[in-house]
Amino acid sequence: MKYVWILFLLLIAFACKKKEAVDPYEWKEITVKATAYNSLRYQTSSSPSIAAWGDSLKPGMRCIAVSRDLIRLGLTHNTPVKIEGLDSIYLVKDKMHRRKKNQIDIYMGVDVKKAKKWGIKRLKIQYGILKSELPNDSIR
């Protein structure tokens, strides 16, 4: 009878064990040039709050624009990005001019002073590619 109770308690413990969250992304790391931008006409276009994929940008959003060569690497619309030195995850919402290469532009609303203070940095980013979208041979 003693062993039945032990088995019963082990089954309950196993059933109640909190399942660990599985990360749906494979994270890739690259080094990029990182600048900042604002949604102001003189910095962007006549519709400064509308991003290249049609998203409406609002101050406080955590999003970035990417150079078009990075799009080919997988940093497409709504790709999550971790930026070295910043705590949050940012989403790709905008594209940069074709002349830009290996660069991200961090959205800073209308706070021009904050964007200027950021300046130009060279840093590492990690971007998430959904594991379900990877070819079968690249899944580890």
N, C-alpha and C. Protein backbone atom coordinates (compact mmCIF):
# COMPACT_ATOMS: atom_id res chain seq x y z
N MET A 1 0.82 -1.19 0.00
CA MET A 1 0.00 0.00 0.00
C MET A 1 0.87 1.27 0.00
N LYS A 2 1.98 1.21 0.73
CA LYS A 2 2.91 2.33 0.82
C LYS A 2 3.42 2.72 -0.58
N TYR A 3 3.75 1.74 -1.41
CA TYR A 3 4.27 2.01 -2.75
C TYR A 3 3.20 2.59 -3.67
N VAL A 4 1.97 2.22 -3.45
CA VAL A 4 0.85 2.76 -4.24
C VAL A 4 0.72 4.26 -3.99
N TRP A 5 0.84 4.67 -2.72
CA TRP A 5 0.77 6.09 -2.38
C TRP A 5 1.95 6.86 -2.98
N ILE A 6 3.10 6.28 -2.92
CA ILE A 6 4.29 6.95 -3.50
C ILE A 6 4.10 7.12 -5.00
N LEU A 7 3.63 6.07 -5.66
CA LEU A 7 3.37 6.15 -7.09
C LEU A 7 2.30 7.18 -7.41
N PHE A 8 1.24 7.20 -6.59
CA PHE A 8 0.16 8.16 -6.76
C PHE A 8 0.68 9.59 -6.62
N LEU A 9 1.50 9.84 -5.60
CA LEU A 9 2.06 11.18 -5.38
C LEU A 9 3.01 11.58 -6.51
N LEU A 10 3.77 10.64 -7.00
CA LEU A 10 4.66 10.93 -8.13
C LEU A 10 3.86 11.28 -9.38
N LEU A 11 2.78 10.58 -9.63
CA LEU A 11 1.93 10.88 -10.79
C LEU A 11 1.31 12.27 -10.67
N ILE A 12 0.85 12.62 -9.48
CA ILE A 12 0.28 13.96 -9.26
C ILE A 12 1.36 15.02 -9.47
N ALA A 13 2.53 14.79 -8.92
CA ALA A 13 3.63 15.76 -9.07
C ALA A 13 3.99 15.94 -10.54
N PHE A 14 4.03 14.84 -11.27
CA PHE A 14 4.35 14.91 -12.70
C PHE A 14 3.26 15.66 -13.46
N ALA A 15 2.00 15.40 -13.14
CA ALA A 15 0.88 16.05 -13.83
C ALA A 15 0.83 17.55 -13.52
N CYS A 16 1.23 17.92 -12.32
CA CYS A 16 1.17 19.32 -11.92
C CYS A 16 2.41 20.11 -12.30
N LYS A 17 3.44 19.41 -12.73
CA LYS A 17 4.69 20.09 -13.09
C LYS A 17 4.41 21.10 -14.18
N LYS A 18 4.89 22.30 -13.97
CA LYS A 18 4.70 23.38 -14.92
C LYS A 18 5.49 23.08 -16.19
N LYS A 19 4.81 23.14 -17.30
CA LYS A 19 5.50 22.89 -18.57
C LYS A 19 6.36 24.10 -18.92
N GLU A 20 7.57 23.84 -19.35
CA GLU A 20 8.46 24.91 -19.75
C GLU A 20 8.05 25.43 -21.12
N ALA A 21 8.09 26.74 -21.26
CA ALA A 21 7.73 27.35 -22.53
C ALA A 21 8.79 27.00 -23.58
N VAL A 22 8.33 26.64 -24.74
CA VAL A 22 9.23 26.31 -25.84
C VAL A 22 9.32 27.55 -26.73
N ASP A 23 10.51 28.01 -26.97
CA ASP A 23 10.71 29.18 -27.82
C ASP A 23 10.45 28.78 -29.27
N PRO A 24 9.48 29.44 -29.92
CA PRO A 24 9.17 29.07 -31.30
C PRO A 24 10.20 29.60 -32.31
N TYR A 25 11.17 30.38 -31.84
CA TYR A 25 12.14 31.00 -32.73
C TYR A 25 13.52 30.37 -32.62
N GLU A 26 14.22 30.36 -33.74
CA GLU A 26 15.66 30.12 -33.74
C GLU A 26 16.27 31.51 -33.86
N TRP A 27 17.13 31.87 -32.92
CA TRP A 27 17.71 33.21 -32.89
C TRP A 27 19.06 33.23 -33.60
N LYS A 28 19.18 34.17 -34.53
CA LYS A 28 20.43 34.35 -35.28
C LYS A 28 21.03 35.69 -34.87
N GLU A 29 22.35 35.75 -34.83
CA GLU A 29 23.02 36.97 -34.38
C GLU A 29 23.87 37.56 -35.49
N ILE A 30 23.82 38.88 -35.61
CA ILE A 30 24.67 39.61 -36.55
C ILE A 30 25.07 40.94 -35.92
N THR A 31 26.12 41.53 -36.44
CA THR A 31 26.56 42.86 -36.02
C THR A 31 26.12 43.85 -37.09
N VAL A 32 25.50 44.95 -36.65
CA VAL A 32 24.97 45.95 -37.58
C VAL A 32 25.33 47.36 -37.11
N LYS A 33 25.15 48.29 -38.00
CA LYS A 33 25.21 49.70 -37.66
C LYS A 33 23.81 50.06 -37.17
N ALA A 34 23.70 50.74 -36.03
CA ALA A 34 22.40 51.09 -35.47
C ALA A 34 22.28 52.59 -35.29
N THR A 35 21.28 53.15 -35.93
CA THR A 35 20.97 54.57 -35.81
C THR A 35 19.55 54.69 -35.26
N ALA A 36 19.05 55.91 -35.15
CA ALA A 36 17.69 56.13 -34.65
C ALA A 36 16.96 57.10 -35.58
N TYR A 37 15.63 56.97 -35.60
CA TYR A 37 14.84 57.90 -36.41
C TYR A 37 13.55 58.26 -35.72
N ASN A 38 12.91 59.29 -36.25
CA ASN A 38 11.65 59.80 -35.71
C ASN A 38 10.59 59.82 -36.81
N SER A 39 9.33 59.87 -36.40
CA SER A 39 8.26 59.96 -37.40
C SER A 39 7.93 61.45 -37.62
N LEU A 40 8.85 62.10 -38.33
CA LEU A 40 8.70 63.50 -38.69
C LEU A 40 8.90 63.64 -40.19
N ARG A 41 8.14 64.50 -40.82
CA ARG A 41 8.18 64.64 -42.29
C ARG A 41 9.59 64.85 -42.83
N TYR A 42 10.38 65.69 -42.19
CA TYR A 42 11.70 65.99 -42.76
C TYR A 42 12.66 64.80 -42.65
N GLN A 43 12.33 63.80 -41.83
CA GLN A 43 13.19 62.62 -41.72
C GLN A 43 12.71 61.45 -42.58
N THR A 44 11.42 61.45 -42.90
CA THR A 44 10.88 60.28 -43.60
C THR A 44 10.19 60.68 -44.90
N SER A 45 8.88 60.88 -44.84
CA SER A 45 8.11 61.21 -46.04
C SER A 45 6.93 62.09 -45.66
N SER A 46 6.02 62.29 -46.61
CA SER A 46 4.85 63.12 -46.33
C SER A 46 3.86 62.41 -45.41
N SER A 47 4.03 61.11 -45.19
CA SER A 47 3.21 60.35 -44.24
C SER A 47 4.15 59.70 -43.22
N PRO A 48 4.73 60.50 -42.33
CA PRO A 48 5.78 59.99 -41.45
C PRO A 48 5.34 58.92 -40.45
N SER A 49 4.05 58.80 -40.20
CA SER A 49 3.58 57.81 -39.23
C SER A 49 3.15 56.50 -39.87
N ILE A 50 3.31 56.40 -41.19
CA ILE A 50 2.97 55.16 -41.90
C ILE A 50 4.28 54.51 -42.35
N ALA A 51 4.52 53.30 -41.85
CA ALA A 51 5.75 52.57 -42.18
C ALA A 51 5.62 51.90 -43.55
N ALA A 52 6.71 51.38 -44.05
CA ALA A 52 6.78 50.81 -45.40
C ALA A 52 5.81 49.65 -45.63
N TRP A 53 5.51 48.87 -44.59
CA TRP A 53 4.58 47.75 -44.75
C TRP A 53 3.15 48.17 -44.40
N GLY A 54 2.93 49.48 -44.19
CA GLY A 54 1.59 49.98 -43.93
C GLY A 54 1.21 50.10 -42.46
N ASP A 55 2.12 49.78 -41.56
CA ASP A 55 1.83 49.90 -40.13
C ASP A 55 1.79 51.37 -39.72
N SER A 56 0.93 51.70 -38.77
CA SER A 56 0.89 53.04 -38.20
C SER A 56 1.86 53.08 -37.03
N LEU A 57 2.80 54.01 -37.08
CA LEU A 57 3.78 54.16 -36.01
C LEU A 57 3.27 55.17 -35.00
N LYS A 58 3.43 54.84 -33.73
CA LYS A 58 3.02 55.74 -32.65
C LYS A 58 4.16 55.82 -31.65
N PRO A 59 4.42 57.01 -31.09
CA PRO A 59 5.48 57.13 -30.08
C PRO A 59 5.28 56.08 -28.99
N GLY A 60 6.40 55.49 -28.57
CA GLY A 60 6.36 54.46 -27.54
C GLY A 60 6.44 53.05 -28.10
N MET A 61 6.15 52.90 -29.40
CA MET A 61 6.26 51.57 -30.01
C MET A 61 7.72 51.15 -30.06
N ARG A 62 7.94 49.87 -29.91
CA ARG A 62 9.29 49.33 -30.01
C ARG A 62 9.42 48.66 -31.37
N CYS A 63 9.89 49.45 -32.32
CA CYS A 63 10.03 48.92 -33.66
C CYS A 63 11.27 49.50 -34.33
N ILE A 64 11.65 48.86 -35.42
CA ILE A 64 12.84 49.29 -36.15
C ILE A 64 12.56 49.27 -37.65
N ALA A 65 13.41 49.99 -38.35
CA ALA A 65 13.49 49.90 -39.81
C ALA A 65 14.77 49.14 -40.10
N VAL A 66 14.77 48.39 -41.19
CA VAL A 66 15.97 47.61 -41.55
C VAL A 66 16.39 47.93 -42.97
N SER A 67 17.69 47.83 -43.22
CA SER A 67 18.18 47.97 -44.58
C SER A 67 17.72 46.76 -45.38
N ARG A 68 17.57 46.94 -46.66
CA ARG A 68 16.96 45.89 -47.50
C ARG A 68 17.81 44.63 -47.62
N ASP A 69 19.11 44.74 -47.42
CA ASP A 69 19.94 43.53 -47.44
C ASP A 69 19.62 42.65 -46.23
N LEU A 70 19.20 43.25 -45.12
CA LEU A 70 18.82 42.46 -43.95
C LEU A 70 17.48 41.75 -44.15
N ILE A 71 16.63 42.32 -44.97
CA ILE A 71 15.35 41.65 -45.29
C ILE A 71 15.64 40.31 -45.95
N ARG A 72 16.63 40.30 -46.82
CA ARG A 72 16.99 39.04 -47.51
C ARG A 72 17.54 37.99 -46.53
N LEU A 73 18.05 38.43 -45.37
CA LEU A 73 18.56 37.50 -44.36
C LEU A 73 17.43 36.93 -43.49
N GLY A 74 16.24 37.53 -43.60
CA GLY A 74 15.11 37.05 -42.81
C GLY A 74 14.50 38.08 -41.88
N LEU A 75 15.03 39.28 -41.85
CA LEU A 75 14.45 40.33 -41.01
C LEU A 75 13.31 40.99 -41.78
N THR A 76 12.22 40.27 -41.91
CA THR A 76 11.06 40.76 -42.66
C THR A 76 10.05 41.38 -41.70
N HIS A 77 8.93 41.79 -42.25
CA HIS A 77 7.88 42.44 -41.48
C HIS A 77 7.51 41.65 -40.22
N ASN A 78 7.53 42.32 -39.09
CA ASN A 78 7.18 41.78 -37.77
C ASN A 78 8.17 40.76 -37.19
N THR A 79 9.37 40.67 -37.75
CA THR A 79 10.39 39.80 -37.16
C THR A 79 10.79 40.38 -35.81
N PRO A 80 10.84 39.53 -34.75
CA PRO A 80 11.29 40.03 -33.45
C PRO A 80 12.81 40.20 -33.43
N VAL A 81 13.26 41.28 -32.80
CA VAL A 81 14.70 41.60 -32.75
C VAL A 81 15.09 42.00 -31.34
N LYS A 82 16.16 41.39 -30.85
CA LYS A 82 16.76 41.78 -29.58
C LYS A 82 17.98 42.63 -29.91
N ILE A 83 18.06 43.81 -29.30
CA ILE A 83 19.13 44.76 -29.60
C ILE A 83 20.06 44.86 -28.39
N GLU A 84 21.34 44.65 -28.64
CA GLU A 84 22.34 44.72 -27.57
C GLU A 84 22.22 46.06 -26.83
N GLY A 85 22.12 46.00 -25.50
CA GLY A 85 22.04 47.20 -24.69
C GLY A 85 20.63 47.68 -24.42
N LEU A 86 19.65 47.10 -25.08
CA LEU A 86 18.24 47.47 -24.86
C LEU A 86 17.50 46.25 -24.34
N ASP A 87 16.54 46.48 -23.45
CA ASP A 87 15.87 45.38 -22.77
C ASP A 87 14.75 44.71 -23.55
N SER A 88 14.03 45.44 -24.32
CA SER A 88 12.81 44.91 -24.95
C SER A 88 13.09 44.21 -26.27
N ILE A 89 12.06 43.56 -26.76
CA ILE A 89 12.10 42.99 -28.11
C ILE A 89 11.43 44.00 -29.03
N TYR A 90 12.09 44.28 -30.13
CA TYR A 90 11.59 45.22 -31.13
C TYR A 90 11.07 44.43 -32.33
N LEU A 91 10.12 45.01 -33.05
CA LEU A 91 9.58 44.37 -34.24
C LEU A 91 9.98 45.16 -35.48
N VAL A 92 10.30 44.45 -36.55
CA VAL A 92 10.62 45.09 -37.82
C VAL A 92 9.29 45.60 -38.40
N LYS A 93 9.21 46.92 -38.58
CA LYS A 93 8.00 47.53 -39.12
C LYS A 93 8.26 48.41 -40.33
N ASP A 94 9.52 48.69 -40.62
CA ASP A 94 9.83 49.66 -41.66
C ASP A 94 11.08 49.23 -42.43
N LYS A 95 11.21 49.78 -43.62
CA LYS A 95 12.39 49.53 -44.47
C LYS A 95 13.14 50.83 -44.66
N MET A 96 14.44 50.70 -44.82
CA MET A 96 15.28 51.87 -45.05
C MET A 96 15.51 52.04 -46.56
N HIS A 97 16.08 53.18 -46.92
CA HIS A 97 16.41 53.46 -48.32
C HIS A 97 17.36 52.41 -48.86
N ARG A 98 17.28 52.14 -50.14
CA ARG A 98 18.10 51.09 -50.77
C ARG A 98 19.60 51.32 -50.62
N ARG A 99 20.03 52.55 -50.45
CA ARG A 99 21.48 52.81 -50.33
C ARG A 99 22.05 52.35 -48.99
N LYS A 100 21.21 52.14 -48.00
CA LYS A 100 21.68 51.69 -46.68
C LYS A 100 22.00 50.20 -46.71
N LYS A 101 23.05 49.82 -46.03
CA LYS A 101 23.49 48.42 -45.99
C LYS A 101 23.82 48.03 -44.55
N ASN A 102 23.44 46.81 -44.17
CA ASN A 102 23.76 46.23 -42.86
C ASN A 102 23.47 47.22 -41.73
N GLN A 103 22.25 47.75 -41.73
CA GLN A 103 21.91 48.81 -40.78
C GLN A 103 20.47 48.66 -40.28
N ILE A 104 20.26 49.02 -39.01
CA ILE A 104 18.92 49.15 -38.47
C ILE A 104 18.73 50.59 -38.01
N ASP A 105 17.50 51.02 -37.96
CA ASP A 105 17.14 52.35 -37.51
C ASP A 105 16.08 52.16 -36.44
N ILE A 106 16.37 52.55 -35.22
CA ILE A 106 15.46 52.34 -34.09
C ILE A 106 14.47 53.50 -34.02
N TYR A 107 13.19 53.17 -33.96
CA TYR A 107 12.14 54.18 -33.92
C TYR A 107 12.07 54.82 -32.54
N MET A 108 12.11 56.16 -32.51
CA MET A 108 12.07 56.90 -31.25
C MET A 108 10.98 57.95 -31.25
N GLY A 109 9.84 57.62 -31.86
CA GLY A 109 8.68 58.52 -31.85
C GLY A 109 9.01 59.88 -32.43
N VAL A 110 8.72 60.93 -31.68
CA VAL A 110 9.02 62.28 -32.14
C VAL A 110 10.12 62.93 -31.29
N ASP A 111 10.80 62.14 -30.46
CA ASP A 111 11.84 62.65 -29.57
C ASP A 111 13.18 62.76 -30.30
N VAL A 112 13.37 63.88 -30.97
CA VAL A 112 14.58 64.11 -31.78
C VAL A 112 15.83 64.12 -30.90
N LYS A 113 15.75 64.71 -29.71
CA LYS A 113 16.91 64.75 -28.82
C LYS A 113 17.36 63.34 -28.45
N LYS A 114 16.42 62.47 -28.17
CA LYS A 114 16.74 61.08 -27.82
C LYS A 114 17.42 60.37 -28.99
N ALA A 115 16.90 60.61 -30.20
CA ALA A 115 17.49 59.99 -31.39
C ALA A 115 18.90 60.50 -31.63
N LYS A 116 19.11 61.79 -31.48
CA LYS A 116 20.45 62.36 -31.67
C LYS A 116 21.41 61.85 -30.59
N LYS A 117 20.91 61.73 -29.37
CA LYS A 117 21.75 61.22 -28.28
C LYS A 117 22.17 59.77 -28.56
N TRP A 118 21.28 58.98 -29.17
CA TRP A 118 21.62 57.59 -29.53
C TRP A 118 22.81 57.58 -30.48
N GLY A 119 22.76 58.47 -31.48
CA GLY A 119 23.86 58.59 -32.44
C GLY A 119 23.97 57.39 -33.37
N ILE A 120 25.21 57.00 -33.62
CA ILE A 120 25.50 55.85 -34.49
C ILE A 120 26.31 54.86 -33.66
N LYS A 121 25.84 53.62 -33.63
CA LYS A 121 26.54 52.59 -32.87
C LYS A 121 26.74 51.36 -33.76
N ARG A 122 27.73 50.61 -33.42
CA ARG A 122 27.93 49.30 -34.04
C ARG A 122 27.68 48.30 -32.94
N LEU A 123 26.68 47.44 -33.12
CA LEU A 123 26.31 46.51 -32.06
C LEU A 123 25.72 45.23 -32.62
N LYS A 124 25.53 44.27 -31.72
CA LYS A 124 24.96 42.98 -32.11
C LYS A 124 23.45 42.99 -31.91
N ILE A 125 22.78 42.33 -32.84
CA ILE A 125 21.35 42.10 -32.68
C ILE A 125 21.11 40.61 -32.86
N GLN A 126 20.02 40.15 -32.31
CA GLN A 126 19.56 38.79 -32.54
C GLN A 126 18.16 38.91 -33.13
N TYR A 127 17.90 38.13 -34.17
CA TYR A 127 16.57 38.15 -34.77
C TYR A 127 16.02 36.74 -34.82
N GLY A 128 14.72 36.66 -34.61
CA GLY A 128 14.07 35.36 -34.52
C GLY A 128 13.43 34.92 -35.81
N ILE A 129 13.77 33.71 -36.23
CA ILE A 129 13.14 33.08 -37.39
C ILE A 129 12.28 31.94 -36.83
N LEU A 130 11.01 31.91 -37.19
CA LEU A 130 10.14 30.85 -36.70
C LEU A 130 10.70 29.49 -37.12
N LYS A 131 10.83 28.60 -36.17
CA LYS A 131 11.35 27.26 -36.45
C LYS A 131 10.48 26.55 -37.48
N SER A 132 9.18 26.83 -37.43
CA SER A 132 8.26 26.19 -38.37
C SER A 132 8.47 26.65 -39.81
N GLU A 133 9.18 27.77 -40.00
CA GLU A 133 9.44 28.28 -41.34
C GLU A 133 10.84 27.94 -41.85
N LEU A 134 11.63 27.26 -41.02
CA LEU A 134 12.97 26.86 -41.44
C LEU A 134 12.90 25.59 -42.27
N PRO A 135 13.82 25.44 -43.24
CA PRO A 135 13.88 24.17 -43.95
C PRO A 135 14.20 23.06 -42.96
N ASN A 136 13.69 21.86 -43.19
CA ASN A 136 13.88 20.74 -42.27
C ASN A 136 15.33 20.44 -41.95
N ASP A 137 16.24 20.65 -42.91
CA ASP A 137 17.63 20.31 -42.67
C ASP A 137 18.35 21.32 -41.77
N SER A 138 17.74 22.49 -41.50
CA SER A 138 18.41 23.47 -40.64
C SER A 138 17.89 23.46 -39.22
N ILE A 139 16.92 22.62 -38.92
CA ILE A 139 16.42 22.52 -37.54
C ILE A 139 17.39 21.65 -36.74
N ARG A 140 17.75 22.15 -35.58
CA ARG A 140 18.73 21.43 -34.76
C ARG A 140 18.05 20.53 -33.79
